[in-house]
């Protein structure tokens, strides 16, 4: 199945900016040719660095923790880039148009960092840089599933006869999530950070639920007033 458009995916400037940044970085790496290996290792997420005192001493906190964010703008091939950006265009536009620019930016950055953290927990000794926006896009898909599971996705079904169908988002995203879980349970090692996908997806789903039912995630106003007041401190 090839998704083409999600209903209501309009007014998404942050999504467009993110797509543009990813394209710009990819073009820069492509121009570097073989020299791109250095930036990929420097700005990609390498879990083994976190437990290396030598790495902390050489890179410092910014150099060590910066790849939590920068890894999401690096891609190693055209298929990797196109697949991620197409999913971002589809589901990013749908989610941003429903929740607004600032919440969407928060969701995206949170998805990047949580996905990287999950990958580090799953493979703490890995020295292979993790790159790509998949973790953040998985968070966006999780949020889409939680916020509007019934949104219709115009989808091309090429087999056996090319047909366009409007499929509910919960079915399409649910199938994707199932594939990630099957890959992990089967021990698949195809150069894909499966746990980053799962971690990002779970974060996005919980974030979306909190946005959808904010009243259930917070104390009622009367209960907040009854809470003991703490002395305000400035640090």
Protein backbone atom coordinates (compact mmCIF):
# COMPACT_ATOMS: atom_id res chain seq x y z
CA UNK A 1 0.00 0.00 0.00
CA UNK A 2 1.28 3.46 -0.89
CA UNK A 3 -0.32 6.28 1.13
CA UNK A 4 -0.86 9.45 -0.89
CA UNK A 5 -2.70 11.94 1.31
CA UNK A 6 -4.20 12.22 4.80
CA UNK A 7 -7.47 14.12 5.12
CA UNK A 8 -7.03 17.58 6.63
CA UNK A 9 -3.26 17.76 6.09
CA UNK A 10 -3.17 21.53 5.51
CA UNK A 11 -1.44 24.55 7.05
CA UNK A 12 1.75 22.77 8.10
CA UNK A 13 4.68 25.27 7.93
CA UNK A 14 6.85 23.44 10.49
CA UNK A 15 6.52 20.21 8.52
CA UNK A 16 7.63 22.01 5.37
CA UNK A 17 10.60 23.57 7.15
CA UNK A 18 11.69 20.18 8.49
CA UNK A 19 11.43 18.64 5.03
CA UNK A 20 13.49 21.50 3.60
CA UNK A 21 16.19 21.16 6.27
CA UNK A 22 16.51 17.43 5.68
CA UNK A 23 16.82 17.98 1.93
CA UNK A 24 19.41 20.72 2.44
CA UNK A 25 21.55 18.59 4.74
CA UNK A 26 21.31 15.61 2.39
CA UNK A 27 22.46 17.73 -0.56
CA UNK A 28 25.38 19.01 1.52
CA UNK A 29 26.47 15.48 2.42
CA UNK A 30 26.08 14.38 -1.19
CA UNK A 31 28.40 17.18 -2.33
CA UNK A 32 30.99 16.06 0.22
CA UNK A 33 31.11 12.60 -1.36
CA UNK A 34 33.42 10.26 0.59
CA UNK A 35 34.11 13.13 2.99
CA UNK A 36 30.55 12.79 4.35
CA UNK A 37 31.66 9.94 6.59
CA UNK A 38 33.16 12.41 9.07
CA UNK A 39 29.98 14.47 9.65
CA UNK A 40 27.88 11.30 9.80
CA UNK A 41 30.05 9.95 12.62
CA UNK A 42 30.32 13.30 14.37
CA UNK A 43 26.63 14.24 14.29
CA UNK A 44 25.10 10.76 14.21
CA UNK A 45 24.01 9.12 17.46
CA UNK A 46 26.60 6.63 18.77
CA UNK A 47 25.40 4.95 22.00
CA UNK A 48 28.86 3.68 23.01
CA UNK A 49 30.10 7.26 23.42
CA UNK A 50 27.82 7.78 26.43
CA UNK A 51 29.81 5.35 28.58
CA UNK A 52 33.23 6.44 27.33
CA UNK A 53 35.06 8.88 29.65
CA UNK A 54 37.50 9.61 26.82
CA UNK A 55 34.65 10.61 24.53
CA UNK A 56 33.20 12.94 27.17
CA UNK A 57 36.63 14.51 27.68
CA UNK A 58 37.22 15.05 23.97
CA UNK A 59 33.76 16.15 22.87
CA UNK A 60 32.32 17.78 25.98
CA UNK A 61 28.60 17.80 26.90
CA UNK A 62 27.48 19.60 23.73
CA UNK A 63 29.38 17.28 21.41
CA UNK A 64 28.15 14.23 23.28
CA UNK A 65 24.48 15.14 23.62
CA UNK A 66 24.04 17.23 20.45
CA UNK A 67 23.58 14.11 18.28
CA UNK A 68 20.41 13.34 20.24
CA UNK A 69 18.96 16.03 17.98
CA UNK A 70 21.26 16.28 14.95
CA UNK A 71 21.07 12.59 14.01
CA UNK A 72 17.52 13.17 12.81
CA UNK A 73 18.64 15.38 9.93
CA UNK A 74 21.18 12.95 8.46
CA UNK A 75 20.33 10.32 5.84
CA UNK A 76 22.63 7.87 4.12
CA UNK A 77 20.79 7.26 0.86
CA UNK A 78 18.10 8.59 -1.42
CA UNK A 79 15.61 5.82 -0.56
CA UNK A 80 16.18 6.42 3.16
CA UNK A 81 15.54 10.13 2.67
CA UNK A 82 12.52 9.85 0.36
CA UNK A 83 10.78 7.25 2.55
CA UNK A 84 11.18 9.33 5.69
CA UNK A 85 10.23 12.65 4.11
CA UNK A 86 7.16 11.20 2.40
CA UNK A 87 5.91 9.85 5.74
CA UNK A 88 6.70 13.21 7.36
CA UNK A 89 4.79 15.02 4.62
CA UNK A 90 1.74 12.79 5.08
CA UNK A 91 1.44 12.42 8.84
CA UNK A 92 3.33 15.55 9.89
CA UNK A 93 0.96 17.72 7.89
CA UNK A 94 -2.06 15.92 9.36
CA UNK A 95 -0.89 16.24 12.97
CA UNK A 96 0.42 19.81 12.73
CA UNK A 97 -2.80 21.07 11.13
CA UNK A 98 -4.73 19.61 14.07
CA UNK A 99 -2.57 20.71 17.02
CA UNK A 100 -0.65 23.79 15.81
CA UNK A 101 2.97 24.70 15.16
CA UNK A 102 4.51 24.91 18.63
CA UNK A 103 3.04 21.67 19.98
CA UNK A 104 4.08 19.91 16.79
CA UNK A 105 7.67 21.18 17.10
CA UNK A 106 7.72 19.94 20.71
CA UNK A 107 6.40 16.54 19.63
CA UNK A 108 9.00 16.24 16.88
CA UNK A 109 11.99 17.17 19.05
CA UNK A 110 10.75 14.93 21.85
CA UNK A 111 10.38 12.06 19.41
CA UNK A 112 13.95 12.53 18.16
CA UNK A 113 15.47 12.47 21.63
CA UNK A 114 13.33 9.64 23.02
CA UNK A 115 13.98 7.47 19.97
CA UNK A 116 17.73 7.96 20.37
CA UNK A 117 17.51 7.14 24.08
CA UNK A 118 15.60 3.92 23.37
CA UNK A 119 18.18 2.88 20.79
CA UNK A 120 20.96 3.49 23.33
CA UNK A 121 19.17 1.33 25.91
CA UNK A 122 18.69 -1.46 23.37
CA UNK A 123 22.27 -1.33 22.03
CA UNK A 124 24.42 0.47 24.63
CA UNK A 125 27.70 -0.75 23.18
CA UNK A 126 26.99 0.09 19.54
CA UNK A 127 29.66 2.13 17.76
CA UNK A 128 27.62 2.41 14.55
CA UNK A 129 26.10 5.89 14.13
CA UNK A 130 22.31 5.95 14.06
CA UNK A 131 20.99 8.51 11.58
CA UNK A 132 17.61 9.44 10.13
CA UNK A 133 14.32 11.03 11.13
CA UNK A 134 12.49 7.70 11.54
CA UNK A 135 12.18 7.97 15.32
CA UNK A 136 10.63 11.43 15.18
CA UNK A 137 8.30 10.40 12.35
CA UNK A 138 7.27 7.34 14.37
CA UNK A 139 6.33 9.76 17.17
CA UNK A 140 4.25 11.80 14.73
CA UNK A 141 2.49 8.62 13.56
CA UNK A 142 1.79 7.61 17.15
CA UNK A 143 0.32 11.04 17.85
CA UNK A 144 -1.83 10.81 14.70
CA UNK A 145 -3.15 7.44 15.84
CA UNK A 146 -4.06 8.83 19.27
CA UNK A 147 -5.49 12.17 18.17
CA UNK A 148 -7.48 11.18 15.09
CA UNK A 149 -7.45 7.41 14.49
CA UNK A 150 -10.39 7.65 12.09
CA UNK A 151 -8.68 10.08 9.69
CA UNK A 152 -8.88 8.75 6.15
CA UNK A 153 -5.72 8.12 4.17
CA UNK A 154 -5.98 8.10 0.38
CA UNK A 155 -3.94 5.03 -0.50
CA UNK A 156 -2.84 3.36 -3.72
CA UNK A 157 -3.15 -0.43 -3.61
CA UNK A 158 -1.12 -1.60 -6.65
CA UNK A 159 -1.79 -5.36 -6.42
CA UNK A 160 -3.50 -7.14 -8.13
CA UNK A 161 -5.08 -4.18 -9.96
CA UNK A 162 -3.99 -0.59 -9.12
CA UNK A 163 -6.80 0.83 -7.01
CA UNK A 164 -7.19 3.97 -4.89
CA UNK A 165 -8.84 3.41 -1.51
CA UNK A 166 -9.54 5.58 1.53
CA UNK A 167 -8.15 3.64 4.48
CA UNK A 168 -8.54 4.68 8.14
CA UNK A 169 -5.32 5.88 9.73
CA UNK A 170 -5.58 3.35 12.55
CA UNK A 171 -5.35 0.46 10.09
CA UNK A 172 -2.38 1.81 8.15
CA UNK A 173 -0.42 2.93 11.22
CA UNK A 174 -1.39 -0.22 13.11
CA UNK A 175 0.06 -2.40 10.35
CA UNK A 176 3.27 -0.39 10.43
CA UNK A 177 3.54 -0.75 14.22
CA UNK A 178 2.92 -4.49 13.95
CA UNK A 179 5.78 -4.81 11.48
CA UNK A 180 8.14 -3.09 13.93
CA UNK A 181 7.16 -5.45 16.74
CA UNK A 182 7.51 -8.50 14.48
CA UNK A 183 10.97 -7.36 13.41
CA UNK A 184 12.07 -6.99 17.04
CA UNK A 185 10.58 -10.33 18.12
CA UNK A 186 12.28 -12.05 15.18
CA UNK A 187 15.63 -10.52 16.10
CA UNK A 188 15.92 -8.80 12.73
CA UNK A 189 19.25 -7.05 12.18
CA UNK A 190 18.89 -5.27 8.86
CA UNK A 191 20.71 -2.09 9.82
CA UNK A 192 17.47 -0.63 11.21
CA UNK A 193 17.08 0.83 14.72
CA UNK A 194 13.80 -0.94 15.47
CA UNK A 195 13.72 0.11 19.12
CA UNK A 196 14.11 3.74 18.13
CA UNK A 197 10.95 3.36 16.02
CA UNK A 198 9.05 1.69 18.85
CA UNK A 199 10.22 4.21 21.44
CA UNK A 200 9.32 7.16 19.26
CA UNK A 201 5.93 5.65 18.44
CA UNK A 202 5.11 5.01 22.10
CA UNK A 203 6.12 8.55 23.06
CA UNK A 204 3.98 10.04 20.29
CA UNK A 205 1.00 7.91 21.26
CA UNK A 206 1.17 8.92 24.92
CA UNK A 207 1.72 12.54 23.96
CA UNK A 208 -1.30 12.42 21.67
CA UNK A 209 -3.48 10.93 24.38
CA UNK A 210 -2.44 13.70 26.75
CA UNK A 211 -3.40 16.26 24.09
CA UNK A 212 -6.71 14.56 23.35
CA UNK A 213 -7.85 14.20 26.95
CA UNK A 214 -6.05 16.97 28.85
CA UNK A 215 -8.68 17.05 31.58
CA UNK A 216 -7.98 13.44 32.47
CA UNK A 217 -4.24 14.01 32.64
CA UNK A 218 -4.35 16.92 35.11
CA UNK A 219 -5.82 17.65 38.53
CA UNK A 220 -9.19 19.45 38.52
CA UNK A 221 -8.93 23.15 39.33
CA UNK A 222 -10.58 22.75 42.74
CA UNK A 223 -8.17 19.96 43.65
CA UNK A 224 -5.21 22.11 42.58
CA UNK A 225 -6.38 24.91 44.86
CA UNK A 226 -6.56 22.49 47.78
CA UNK A 227 -2.94 21.41 47.33
CA UNK A 228 -0.49 22.90 49.88
CA UNK A 229 1.40 25.87 48.51
CA UNK A 230 5.17 25.58 48.42
CA UNK A 231 7.58 28.39 49.03
CA UNK A 232 8.78 29.84 45.77
CA UNK A 233 12.52 29.61 45.24
CA UNK A 234 14.82 31.22 42.71
CA UNK A 235 17.90 29.30 41.69
